[in-house]
Amino acid sequence: MTFTDYLEILKDIVVSTAKGMAITWRTFVKVTTKGAITIQYPEMRDQIPLGSRGLLFNDVEDCISCKQCAAACPVDCIHIEADKKDASVAPDFTKGGVRKTLDLKRFEIDISLCCYCGLCSAACPTDCLYHTKEYEYSVYERDKHIMDYLNYQR
């Protein structure tokens, strides 16, 4: 190794260190002039961006038990059971005027499996299944992540 090779290596070390320190000092100056970068969660909360997908909610009054959401779900976290309605019973309609031909017995979503892709809400013909802006729903027991929408209290 020659002396000029040694100086080239030394120059590379100094230049790369100077670039890294420039980034560090730029961030330091930004923080000291504008204040803190992070927010003090949970006392302060950041605004949720438009189009974000939070916890799923199903308005079972509008659900026609078509199972299209369960068919569209890539992780099979939606479980629906329905029986045919008795013909002697008066017809039931959704808020949008769609006739319900099935009687919904079970509508559950395992939130711990959900990947929040939005395919289920896009497939819903009555728009009764949708993503809310709720994002805080941590629990200690895994079985509490199974949301039973027939017995759901908001």
Foldseek 3Di string as FASTA:
>chain_A
DDPVVVVVVVVVVVVVVVVVVVVVVVVVVCCVVVHHPDDDPPVDDDDDDPPDFADKAFPVLADLQPCQLQVQAPQNQWDWDWAFDDPVDDWRAHPVGHTRGIGTDWTKGQQVRHPRPCRSQVRGPRSRMGGDPDHDDDDDDSVVSIDTNVPDDD
